[in-house]
Amino acid sequence: MYYENDFLKQDLERHRELILDGPVSTTILLLSLPTLMMGLIMSAIPMIGGLLLNNISGIGTGYERGGHGY
């Protein structure tokens, strides 16, 4: 069993061989990578949206007015 290091440039047969005959930990990581990336993006969207809305609406944390918070 020979696996190339460049996973994206492999053909379909090598992908199938890696998934079926490769190490379990590598297979699980490769198959779960799209889901993990989607989770990171979905968790970042509310944070980025909140920062943009606070910046546009002028509602800050109070640090720009002397740090009093009111």
N, C-alpha and C. Protein backbone atom coordinates (compact mmCIF):
# COMPACT_ATOMS: atom_id res chain seq x y z
N MET A 1 0.83 -1.19 0.00
CA MET A 1 0.00 0.00 0.00
C MET A 1 0.87 1.25 0.00
N TYR A 2 0.78 2.02 -1.03
CA TYR A 2 1.55 3.25 -1.15
C TYR A 2 0.58 4.42 -1.22
N TYR A 3 0.76 5.39 -0.33
CA TYR A 3 -0.09 6.57 -0.31
C TYR A 3 0.75 7.80 -0.60
N GLU A 4 0.33 8.59 -1.56
CA GLU A 4 1.03 9.83 -1.85
C GLU A 4 0.70 10.86 -0.78
N ASN A 5 1.61 11.78 -0.58
CA ASN A 5 1.39 12.82 0.41
C ASN A 5 0.41 13.89 -0.08
N ASP A 6 0.35 14.12 -1.38
CA ASP A 6 -0.51 15.16 -1.91
C ASP A 6 -1.91 14.57 -2.17
N PHE A 7 -2.78 14.69 -1.19
CA PHE A 7 -4.09 14.05 -1.24
C PHE A 7 -4.97 14.64 -2.34
N LEU A 8 -4.87 15.94 -2.58
CA LEU A 8 -5.76 16.59 -3.54
C LEU A 8 -5.45 16.22 -4.98
N LYS A 9 -4.23 15.81 -5.28
CA LYS A 9 -3.86 15.49 -6.66
C LYS A 9 -4.01 14.00 -6.97
N GLN A 10 -4.51 13.22 -6.03
CA GLN A 10 -4.68 11.79 -6.27
C GLN A 10 -5.93 11.55 -7.11
N ASP A 11 -5.93 10.44 -7.81
CA ASP A 11 -7.12 10.10 -8.59
C ASP A 11 -8.13 9.37 -7.69
N LEU A 12 -9.28 9.08 -8.26
CA LEU A 12 -10.37 8.48 -7.50
C LEU A 12 -10.00 7.13 -6.91
N GLU A 13 -9.23 6.35 -7.65
CA GLU A 13 -8.84 5.02 -7.17
C GLU A 13 -7.95 5.12 -5.93
N ARG A 14 -7.05 6.06 -5.92
CA ARG A 14 -6.18 6.23 -4.74
C ARG A 14 -6.97 6.76 -3.54
N HIS A 15 -7.93 7.65 -3.79
CA HIS A 15 -8.80 8.12 -2.70
C HIS A 15 -9.56 6.94 -2.09
N ARG A 16 -10.13 6.12 -2.95
CA ARG A 16 -10.90 4.96 -2.49
C ARG A 16 -10.00 4.01 -1.71
N GLU A 17 -8.79 3.78 -2.20
CA GLU A 17 -7.86 2.88 -1.52
C GLU A 17 -7.46 3.43 -0.15
N LEU A 18 -7.24 4.73 -0.06
CA LEU A 18 -6.88 5.34 1.21
C LEU A 18 -8.03 5.23 2.22
N ILE A 19 -9.26 5.44 1.76
CA ILE A 19 -10.40 5.37 2.66
C ILE A 19 -10.68 3.94 3.11
N LEU A 20 -10.60 2.98 2.19
CA LEU A 20 -10.95 1.60 2.53
C LEU A 20 -9.82 0.85 3.23
N ASP A 21 -8.58 1.09 2.82
CA ASP A 21 -7.48 0.30 3.34
C ASP A 21 -6.50 1.08 4.20
N GLY A 22 -6.69 2.37 4.34
CA GLY A 22 -5.77 3.20 5.10
C GLY A 22 -6.03 3.14 6.59
N PRO A 23 -5.23 3.85 7.36
CA PRO A 23 -5.44 3.90 8.80
C PRO A 23 -6.78 4.56 9.15
N VAL A 24 -7.39 4.05 10.20
CA VAL A 24 -8.73 4.53 10.58
C VAL A 24 -8.68 6.00 10.99
N SER A 25 -7.67 6.40 11.73
CA SER A 25 -7.60 7.79 12.20
C SER A 25 -7.48 8.76 11.02
N THR A 26 -6.69 8.41 10.02
CA THR A 26 -6.56 9.27 8.84
C THR A 26 -7.87 9.34 8.07
N THR A 27 -8.54 8.20 7.94
CA THR A 27 -9.82 8.17 7.23
C THR A 27 -10.86 9.03 7.92
N ILE A 28 -10.96 8.91 9.23
CA ILE A 28 -11.95 9.70 9.99
C ILE A 28 -11.63 11.18 9.86
N LEU A 29 -10.36 11.54 9.95
CA LEU A 29 -9.98 12.94 9.84
C LEU A 29 -10.32 13.50 8.46
N LEU A 30 -9.99 12.75 7.41
CA LEU A 30 -10.26 13.24 6.06
C LEU A 30 -11.75 13.35 5.76
N LEU A 31 -12.53 12.41 6.27
CA LEU A 31 -13.97 12.45 6.00
C LEU A 31 -14.70 13.49 6.86
N SER A 32 -14.15 13.83 8.01
CA SER A 32 -14.82 14.79 8.88
C SER A 32 -14.33 16.22 8.67
N LEU A 33 -13.30 16.41 7.88
CA LEU A 33 -12.74 17.74 7.67
C LEU A 33 -13.75 18.75 7.10
N PRO A 34 -14.56 18.40 6.09
CA PRO A 34 -15.55 19.38 5.61
C PRO A 34 -16.57 19.79 6.68
N THR A 35 -16.98 18.85 7.51
CA THR A 35 -17.94 19.17 8.57
C THR A 35 -17.31 20.07 9.62
N LEU A 36 -16.06 19.82 9.96
CA LEU A 36 -15.37 20.67 10.94
C LEU A 36 -15.19 22.08 10.41
N MET A 37 -14.84 22.22 9.13
CA MET A 37 -14.68 23.55 8.54
C MET A 37 -16.02 24.29 8.50
N MET A 38 -17.10 23.59 8.19
CA MET A 38 -18.41 24.22 8.17
C MET A 38 -18.79 24.69 9.58
N GLY A 39 -18.48 23.91 10.60
CA GLY A 39 -18.76 24.31 11.97
C GLY A 39 -18.00 25.55 12.38
N LEU A 40 -16.73 25.64 11.98
CA LEU A 40 -15.95 26.84 12.28
C LEU A 40 -16.53 28.07 11.61
N ILE A 41 -16.93 27.94 10.37
CA ILE A 41 -17.50 29.08 9.65
C ILE A 41 -18.84 29.48 10.26
N MET A 42 -19.66 28.50 10.61
CA MET A 42 -20.97 28.81 11.18
C MET A 42 -20.84 29.45 12.56
N SER A 43 -19.82 29.10 13.31
CA SER A 43 -19.64 29.73 14.62
C SER A 43 -19.02 31.12 14.49
N ALA A 44 -18.31 31.39 13.41
CA ALA A 44 -17.71 32.71 13.23
C ALA A 44 -18.70 33.74 12.68
N ILE A 45 -19.74 33.29 12.00
CA ILE A 45 -20.69 34.22 11.38
C ILE A 45 -21.38 35.12 12.41
N PRO A 46 -21.91 34.62 13.53
CA PRO A 46 -22.53 35.54 14.50
C PRO A 46 -21.54 36.53 15.12
N MET A 47 -20.31 36.08 15.36
CA MET A 47 -19.32 37.00 15.94
C MET A 47 -19.00 38.12 14.96
N ILE A 48 -18.76 37.78 13.72
CA ILE A 48 -18.42 38.80 12.72
C ILE A 48 -19.62 39.71 12.48
N GLY A 49 -20.81 39.14 12.41
CA GLY A 49 -22.01 39.95 12.23
C GLY A 49 -22.23 40.90 13.38
N GLY A 50 -22.02 40.44 14.60
CA GLY A 50 -22.16 41.31 15.76
C GLY A 50 -21.16 42.44 15.77
N LEU A 51 -19.93 42.14 15.39
CA LEU A 51 -18.92 43.19 15.33
C LEU A 51 -19.26 44.23 14.28
N LEU A 52 -19.72 43.78 13.13
CA LEU A 52 -20.06 44.72 12.06
C LEU A 52 -21.27 45.56 12.44
N LEU A 53 -22.30 44.94 13.03
CA LEU A 53 -23.49 45.71 13.41
C LEU A 53 -23.18 46.72 14.51
N ASN A 54 -22.37 46.33 15.49
CA ASN A 54 -21.99 47.28 16.54
C ASN A 54 -21.17 48.42 15.98
N ASN A 55 -20.35 48.13 15.03
CA ASN A 55 -19.51 49.16 14.43
C ASN A 55 -20.34 50.13 13.59
N ILE A 56 -21.31 49.61 12.85
CA ILE A 56 -22.13 50.46 11.98
C ILE A 56 -23.12 51.28 12.79
N SER A 57 -23.74 50.67 13.80
CA SER A 57 -24.78 51.38 14.55
C SER A 57 -24.21 52.33 15.58
N GLY A 58 -22.94 52.26 15.86
CA GLY A 58 -22.34 53.18 16.82
C GLY A 58 -22.46 52.73 18.26
N ILE A 59 -23.01 51.56 18.49
CA ILE A 59 -23.13 51.05 19.85
C ILE A 59 -21.85 50.30 20.16
N GLY A 60 -21.05 50.87 20.99
CA GLY A 60 -19.77 50.26 21.32
C GLY A 60 -19.77 49.71 22.74
N THR A 61 -18.60 49.43 23.21
CA THR A 61 -18.47 48.88 24.56
C THR A 61 -18.17 49.96 25.58
N GLY A 62 -18.02 51.18 25.15
CA GLY A 62 -17.74 52.27 26.07
C GLY A 62 -16.28 52.61 26.14
N TYR A 63 -15.45 51.85 25.53
CA TYR A 63 -14.02 52.13 25.61
C TYR A 63 -13.65 53.38 24.83
N GLU A 64 -14.40 53.68 23.78
CA GLU A 64 -14.06 54.87 23.00
C GLU A 64 -14.54 56.14 23.67
N ARG A 65 -15.35 56.04 24.75
CA ARG A 65 -15.84 57.23 25.45
C ARG A 65 -15.20 57.38 26.83
N GLY A 66 -14.08 56.83 27.02
CA GLY A 66 -13.40 57.02 28.29
C GLY A 66 -13.42 55.80 29.19
N GLY A 67 -14.04 54.73 28.76
CA GLY A 67 -14.00 53.50 29.53
C GLY A 67 -15.03 53.40 30.65
N HIS A 68 -16.01 54.31 30.69
CA HIS A 68 -17.01 54.26 31.75
C HIS A 68 -18.10 53.23 31.48
N GLY A 69 -18.36 52.95 30.23
CA GLY A 69 -19.36 51.96 29.88
C GLY A 69 -20.77 52.50 29.84
N TYR A 70 -20.95 53.79 29.87
CA TYR A 70 -22.28 54.38 29.75
C TYR A 70 -22.29 55.54 28.82
